[in-house]
């Protein structure tokens, strides 16, 4: 009889420890989902930046010159969120958060460097995508 009294409350302690271990597991799972979501958003923005760069390069190839200032200006206006094309661009791309597009051309050699930069929401780090093209 005496040994039964010593173990009073032991089952409750086991249940509390099990709940603690389960809670830590759930918190870890929520943190993993948050990181995965952030990574997916970052990857999506990088893909859109590459597509934006490809869009202006395609226009250069179509015109067989890098000297297309009107198209470059129109292209730059499509990149940032809050621009006139706030929902979708003509190419069907969604704008980038805090996006900026720059094109540095060299008409003599018919080359251009296209850079798209953006800043993820709630981030202090600026991301960029850059590519070069030679039109021959």
C-alpha atoms as a PDB file:
ATOM      1  CA  UNK A   1       0.000   0.000   0.000  1.00  0.00           C
ATOM      2  CA  UNK A   2       2.776   2.389   0.836  1.00  0.00           C
ATOM      3  CA  UNK A   3       4.406   2.154  -2.611  1.00  0.00           C
ATOM      4  CA  UNK A   4       1.132   3.225  -4.255  1.00  0.00           C
ATOM      5  CA  UNK A   5       1.154   6.487  -2.273  1.00  0.00           C
ATOM      6  CA  UNK A   6       4.714   7.334  -3.379  1.00  0.00           C
ATOM      7  CA  UNK A   7       3.750   7.271  -7.060  1.00  0.00           C
ATOM      8  CA  UNK A   8       0.808   9.631  -6.759  1.00  0.00           C
ATOM      9  CA  UNK A   9       1.077  12.334  -9.462  1.00  0.00           C
ATOM     10  CA  UNK A  10       3.745  10.477 -11.479  1.00  0.00           C
ATOM     11  CA  UNK A  11       1.332   9.897 -14.386  1.00  0.00           C
ATOM     12  CA  UNK A  12       0.510  13.612 -14.497  1.00  0.00           C
ATOM     13  CA  UNK A  13       4.210  14.456 -14.720  1.00  0.00           C
ATOM     14  CA  UNK A  14       4.636  12.067 -17.674  1.00  0.00           C
ATOM     15  CA  UNK A  15       1.716  13.700 -19.486  1.00  0.00           C
ATOM     16  CA  UNK A  16       3.132  17.195 -18.911  1.00  0.00           C
ATOM     17  CA  UNK A  17       6.540  16.154 -20.266  1.00  0.00           C
ATOM     18  CA  UNK A  18       4.890  14.565 -23.326  1.00  0.00           C
ATOM     19  CA  UNK A  19       2.944  17.775 -23.985  1.00  0.00           C
ATOM     20  CA  UNK A  20       6.172  19.804 -23.671  1.00  0.00           C
ATOM     21  CA  UNK A  21       8.007  17.568 -26.160  1.00  0.00           C
ATOM     22  CA  UNK A  22       5.055  17.716 -28.568  1.00  0.00           C
ATOM     23  CA  UNK A  23       4.880  21.531 -28.282  1.00  0.00           C
ATOM     24  CA  UNK A  24       8.572  21.885 -29.092  1.00  0.00           C
ATOM     25  CA  UNK A  25       8.045  19.693 -32.164  1.00  0.00           C
ATOM     26  CA  UNK A  26       5.118  21.819 -33.343  1.00  0.00           C
ATOM     27  CA  UNK A  27       7.123  25.035 -32.880  1.00  0.00           C
ATOM     28  CA  UNK A  28       9.948  23.532 -34.951  1.00  0.00           C
ATOM     29  CA  UNK A  29       7.508  22.557 -37.687  1.00  0.00           C
ATOM     30  CA  UNK A  30       6.015  26.071 -37.812  1.00  0.00           C
ATOM     31  CA  UNK A  31       9.520  27.555 -38.063  1.00  0.00           C
ATOM     32  CA  UNK A  32      10.368  25.190 -40.933  1.00  0.00           C
ATOM     33  CA  UNK A  33       7.216  26.174 -42.826  1.00  0.00           C
ATOM     34  CA  UNK A  34       8.037  29.867 -42.347  1.00  0.00           C
ATOM     35  CA  UNK A  35      11.551  29.422 -43.736  1.00  0.00           C
ATOM     36  CA  UNK A  36      10.219  27.391 -46.676  1.00  0.00           C
ATOM     37  CA  UNK A  37       7.647  30.088 -47.479  1.00  0.00           C
ATOM     38  CA  UNK A  38      10.288  32.837 -47.384  1.00  0.00           C
ATOM     39  CA  UNK A  39      12.591  30.803 -49.625  1.00  0.00           C
ATOM     40  CA  UNK A  40       9.782  30.181 -52.111  1.00  0.00           C
ATOM     41  CA  UNK A  41       8.985  33.897 -52.312  1.00  0.00           C
ATOM     42  CA  UNK A  42      12.648  34.763 -52.828  1.00  0.00           C
ATOM     43  CA  UNK A  43      12.976  32.155 -55.571  1.00  0.00           C
ATOM     44  CA  UNK A  44       9.824  33.433 -57.293  1.00  0.00           C
ATOM     45  CA  UNK A  45      11.170  37.005 -57.285  1.00  0.00           C
ATOM     46  CA  UNK A  46      14.528  35.868 -58.704  1.00  0.00           C
ATOM     47  CA  UNK A  47      12.710  34.047 -61.512  1.00  0.00           C
ATOM     48  CA  UNK A  48      10.626  37.130 -62.288  1.00  0.00           C
ATOM     49  CA  UNK A  49      13.785  39.282 -62.360  1.00  0.00           C
ATOM     50  CA  UNK A  50      15.327  36.903 -64.906  1.00  0.00           C
ATOM     51  CA  UNK A  51      12.159  37.031 -66.997  1.00  0.00           C
ATOM     52  CA  UNK A  52      12.110  40.842 -66.866  1.00  0.00           C
ATOM     53  CA  UNK A  53      15.728  40.948 -68.058  1.00  0.00           C
ATOM     54  CA  UNK A  54      14.908  38.479 -70.819  1.00  0.00           C
ATOM     55  CA  UNK A  55      11.966  40.650 -71.891  1.00  0.00           C
ATOM     56  CA  UNK A  56      14.122  43.707 -72.682  1.00  0.00           C
ATOM     57  CA  UNK A  57      16.856  41.557 -74.233  1.00  0.00           C
ATOM     58  CA  UNK A  58      14.244  40.020 -76.539  1.00  0.00           C
ATOM     59  CA  UNK A  59      13.248  43.505 -77.678  1.00  0.00           C
ATOM     60  CA  UNK A  60      16.897  44.295 -78.382  1.00  0.00           C
ATOM     61  CA  UNK A  61      17.250  41.122 -80.447  1.00  0.00           C
ATOM     62  CA  UNK A  62      14.050  41.933 -82.354  1.00  0.00           C
ATOM     63  CA  UNK A  63      15.373  45.421 -83.205  1.00  0.00           C
ATOM     64  CA  UNK A  64      18.944  44.147 -83.802  1.00  0.00           C
ATOM     65  CA  UNK A  65      20.326  46.977 -81.655  1.00  0.00           C
ATOM     66  CA  UNK A  66      20.778  47.845 -77.983  1.00  0.00           C
ATOM     67  CA  UNK A  67      19.814  51.457 -78.723  1.00  0.00           C
ATOM     68  CA  UNK A  68      16.081  51.327 -77.905  1.00  0.00           C
ATOM     69  CA  UNK A  69      15.550  54.079 -75.296  1.00  0.00           C
ATOM     70  CA  UNK A  70      11.748  54.239 -75.565  1.00  0.00           C
ATOM     71  CA  UNK A  71      11.365  50.502 -74.975  1.00  0.00           C
ATOM     72  CA  UNK A  72      13.877  50.600 -72.108  1.00  0.00           C
ATOM     73  CA  UNK A  73      11.907  53.364 -70.368  1.00  0.00           C
ATOM     74  CA  UNK A  74       8.631  51.469 -70.797  1.00  0.00           C
ATOM     75  CA  UNK A  75      10.311  48.315 -69.501  1.00  0.00           C
ATOM     76  CA  UNK A  76      11.702  50.116 -66.430  1.00  0.00           C
ATOM     77  CA  UNK A  77       8.220  51.390 -65.577  1.00  0.00           C
ATOM     78  CA  UNK A  78       6.828  47.830 -65.477  1.00  0.00           C
ATOM     79  CA  UNK A  79       9.227  46.460 -62.855  1.00  0.00           C
ATOM     80  CA  UNK A  80       8.326  48.114 -59.511  1.00  0.00           C
ATOM     81  CA  UNK A  81       5.161  47.402 -57.556  1.00  0.00           C
ATOM     82  CA  UNK A  82       3.062  50.530 -57.466  1.00  0.00           C
ATOM     83  CA  UNK A  83       3.839  51.446 -61.061  1.00  0.00           C
ATOM     84  CA  UNK A  84       1.126  52.007 -63.648  1.00  0.00           C
ATOM     85  CA  UNK A  85       1.208  48.271 -64.392  1.00  0.00           C
ATOM     86  CA  UNK A  86       0.625  47.315 -60.762  1.00  0.00           C
ATOM     87  CA  UNK A  87      -1.136  44.054 -61.522  1.00  0.00           C
ATOM     88  CA  UNK A  88       0.603  42.574 -64.547  1.00  0.00           C
ATOM     89  CA  UNK A  89       2.919  43.765 -67.256  1.00  0.00           C
ATOM     90  CA  UNK A  90       2.273  43.316 -70.949  1.00  0.00           C
ATOM     91  CA  UNK A  91       4.264  40.079 -70.755  1.00  0.00           C
ATOM     92  CA  UNK A  92       2.079  38.788 -67.913  1.00  0.00           C
ATOM     93  CA  UNK A  93       4.720  39.242 -65.196  1.00  0.00           C
ATOM     94  CA  UNK A  94       3.840  40.545 -61.760  1.00  0.00           C
ATOM     95  CA  UNK A  95       5.975  43.520 -60.665  1.00  0.00           C
ATOM     96  CA  UNK A  96       8.821  43.085 -58.164  1.00  0.00           C
ATOM     97  CA  UNK A  97       8.776  44.582 -54.657  1.00  0.00           C
ATOM     98  CA  UNK A  98      10.880  47.760 -54.716  1.00  0.00           C
ATOM     99  CA  UNK A  99      12.084  46.698 -58.166  1.00  0.00           C
ATOM    100  CA  UNK A 100      14.434  48.761 -60.314  1.00  0.00           C
ATOM    101  CA  UNK A 101      15.673  47.924 -63.797  1.00  0.00           C
ATOM    102  CA  UNK A 102      18.812  49.406 -65.311  1.00  0.00           C
ATOM    103  CA  UNK A 103      20.284  48.963 -68.761  1.00  0.00           C
ATOM    104  CA  UNK A 104      23.829  50.087 -69.546  1.00  0.00           C
ATOM    105  CA  UNK A 105      24.419  50.076 -73.294  1.00  0.00           C
ATOM    106  CA  UNK A 106      27.449  50.449 -75.508  1.00  0.00           C
ATOM    107  CA  UNK A 107      26.159  51.320 -78.975  1.00  0.00           C
ATOM    108  CA  UNK A 108      29.636  51.083 -80.544  1.00  0.00           C
ATOM    109  CA  UNK A 109      29.983  47.395 -79.634  1.00  0.00           C
ATOM    110  CA  UNK A 110      26.209  46.720 -79.575  1.00  0.00           C
ATOM    111  CA  UNK A 111      26.403  45.292 -76.032  1.00  0.00           C
ATOM    112  CA  UNK A 112      24.206  45.834 -73.003  1.00  0.00           C
ATOM    113  CA  UNK A 113      24.245  44.939 -69.340  1.00  0.00           C
ATOM    114  CA  UNK A 114      20.772  44.468 -67.868  1.00  0.00           C
ATOM    115  CA  UNK A 115      20.397  44.554 -64.078  1.00  0.00           C
ATOM    116  CA  UNK A 116      17.202  44.078 -62.097  1.00  0.00           C
ATOM    117  CA  UNK A 117      17.309  44.803 -58.358  1.00  0.00           C
ATOM    118  CA  UNK A 118      14.593  44.379 -55.744  1.00  0.00           C
ATOM    119  CA  UNK A 119      14.137  44.224 -51.997  1.00  0.00           C
ATOM    120  CA  UNK A 120      12.037  41.545 -50.350  1.00  0.00           C
ATOM    121  CA  UNK A 121       9.282  42.790 -48.036  1.00  0.00           C
ATOM    122  CA  UNK A 122      10.452  43.020 -44.412  1.00  0.00           C
ATOM    123  CA  UNK A 123      14.092  42.646 -45.488  1.00  0.00           C
ATOM    124  CA  UNK A 124      17.022  45.027 -45.418  1.00  0.00           C
ATOM    125  CA  UNK A 125      18.969  43.059 -48.030  1.00  0.00           C
ATOM    126  CA  UNK A 126      18.780  44.054 -51.695  1.00  0.00           C
ATOM    127  CA  UNK A 127      18.823  41.255 -54.271  1.00  0.00           C
ATOM    128  CA  UNK A 128      19.843  41.615 -57.906  1.00  0.00           C
ATOM    129  CA  UNK A 129      19.969  39.741 -61.187  1.00  0.00           C
ATOM    130  CA  UNK A 130      22.377  40.854 -63.909  1.00  0.00           C
ATOM    131  CA  UNK A 131      23.071  39.621 -67.423  1.00  0.00           C
ATOM    132  CA  UNK A 132      24.942  40.816 -70.491  1.00  0.00           C
ATOM    133  CA  UNK A 133      23.989  40.623 -74.144  1.00  0.00           C
ATOM    134  CA  UNK A 134      25.856  41.135 -77.411  1.00  0.00           C
ATOM    135  CA  UNK A 135      23.691  41.771 -80.476  1.00  0.00           C
ATOM    136  CA  UNK A 136      25.380  40.645 -83.689  1.00  0.00           C
END
